[in-house]
Amino acid sequence: MTVSALDIDLNGIPLGSLPAIALDTETTGLNVADARIVQIGAVRLAPGATDFFDMLVNPGVAISPGSTEIHHI
């Protein structure tokens, strides 16, 4: 059985009380055609939660000085 967001009635439930995960990626540049991921991060957003994930990724290409300056990698 698959449950979609459309199947759940969230009327009256404060958004802040629902668990969520925030994802963040850092890349070698801004051009989506050739930028590569260099870092992935995630934080669980739930009351009392302190779970996080952070991982550097080898993009397989040199990281430009501009990207290094922005990401401090």
Protein backbone atom coordinates (compact mmCIF):
# COMPACT_ATOMS: atom_id res chain seq x y z
CA MET A 1 0.00 0.00 0.00
CA THR A 2 1.36 3.40 -0.96
CA VAL A 3 0.39 6.54 0.93
CA SER A 4 0.84 9.89 -0.75
CA ALA A 5 0.76 13.35 0.77
CA LEU A 6 -2.65 13.83 -0.83
CA ASP A 7 -4.06 10.92 1.21
CA ILE A 8 -3.24 12.54 4.58
CA ASP A 9 -5.50 15.19 6.11
CA LEU A 10 -3.17 17.75 7.74
CA ASN A 11 -5.89 20.31 8.37
CA GLY A 12 -5.29 21.88 11.76
CA ILE A 13 -1.89 20.24 12.34
CA PRO A 14 0.85 22.84 12.90
CA LEU A 15 3.61 22.41 10.34
CA GLY A 16 6.25 22.75 13.07
CA SER A 17 4.93 19.65 14.81
CA LEU A 18 5.55 17.40 11.80
CA PRO A 19 8.91 15.66 11.35
CA ALA A 20 10.92 16.61 8.27
CA ILE A 21 14.39 16.39 6.81
CA ALA A 22 16.22 19.37 5.31
CA LEU A 23 18.70 18.46 2.56
CA ASP A 24 21.51 20.65 1.27
CA THR A 25 23.99 20.10 -1.52
CA GLU A 26 27.07 22.06 -2.49
CA THR A 27 28.44 21.90 -6.01
CA THR A 28 31.50 22.80 -8.07
CA GLY A 29 29.60 25.63 -9.76
CA LEU A 30 26.25 27.15 -10.70
CA ASN A 31 25.85 25.70 -14.20
CA VAL A 32 23.52 22.70 -13.86
CA ALA A 33 24.86 21.24 -17.11
CA ASP A 34 28.35 20.63 -15.72
CA ALA A 35 28.36 21.27 -11.94
CA ARG A 36 29.21 18.31 -9.73
CA ILE A 37 28.18 17.66 -6.13
CA VAL A 38 30.99 18.15 -3.59
CA GLN A 39 29.05 17.97 -0.31
CA ILE A 40 25.73 16.59 0.95
CA GLY A 41 24.15 17.59 4.24
CA ALA A 42 20.92 16.69 6.01
CA VAL A 43 19.29 17.63 9.31
CA ARG A 44 16.29 15.93 10.86
CA LEU A 45 13.75 18.54 11.93
CA ALA A 46 11.70 17.07 14.75
CA PRO A 47 11.11 18.06 18.38
CA GLY A 48 14.19 17.11 20.38
CA ALA A 49 16.04 15.75 17.33
CA THR A 50 19.74 16.41 16.91
CA ASP A 51 20.43 14.03 14.02
CA PHE A 52 22.50 15.33 11.13
CA PHE A 53 24.47 13.98 8.19
CA ASP A 54 27.40 15.64 6.42
CA MET A 55 29.51 14.05 3.69
CA LEU A 56 32.16 15.33 1.30
CA VAL A 57 31.94 13.85 -2.19
CA ASN A 58 34.79 13.51 -4.68
CA PRO A 59 33.41 15.29 -7.76
CA GLY A 60 35.99 13.71 -10.04
CA VAL A 61 37.04 17.14 -11.31
CA ALA A 62 39.05 20.03 -9.92
CA ILE A 63 37.11 22.42 -7.67
CA SER A 64 37.38 26.00 -8.88
CA PRO A 65 38.88 28.67 -6.60
CA GLY A 66 35.50 30.44 -6.57
CA SER A 67 33.69 27.35 -5.29
CA THR A 68 36.43 26.72 -2.74
CA GLU A 69 36.01 30.27 -1.45
CA ILE A 70 32.22 29.85 -1.11
CA HIS A 71 32.20 26.35 0.44
CA HIS A 72 35.49 26.62 2.36
CA ILE A 73 36.50 23.20 1.05
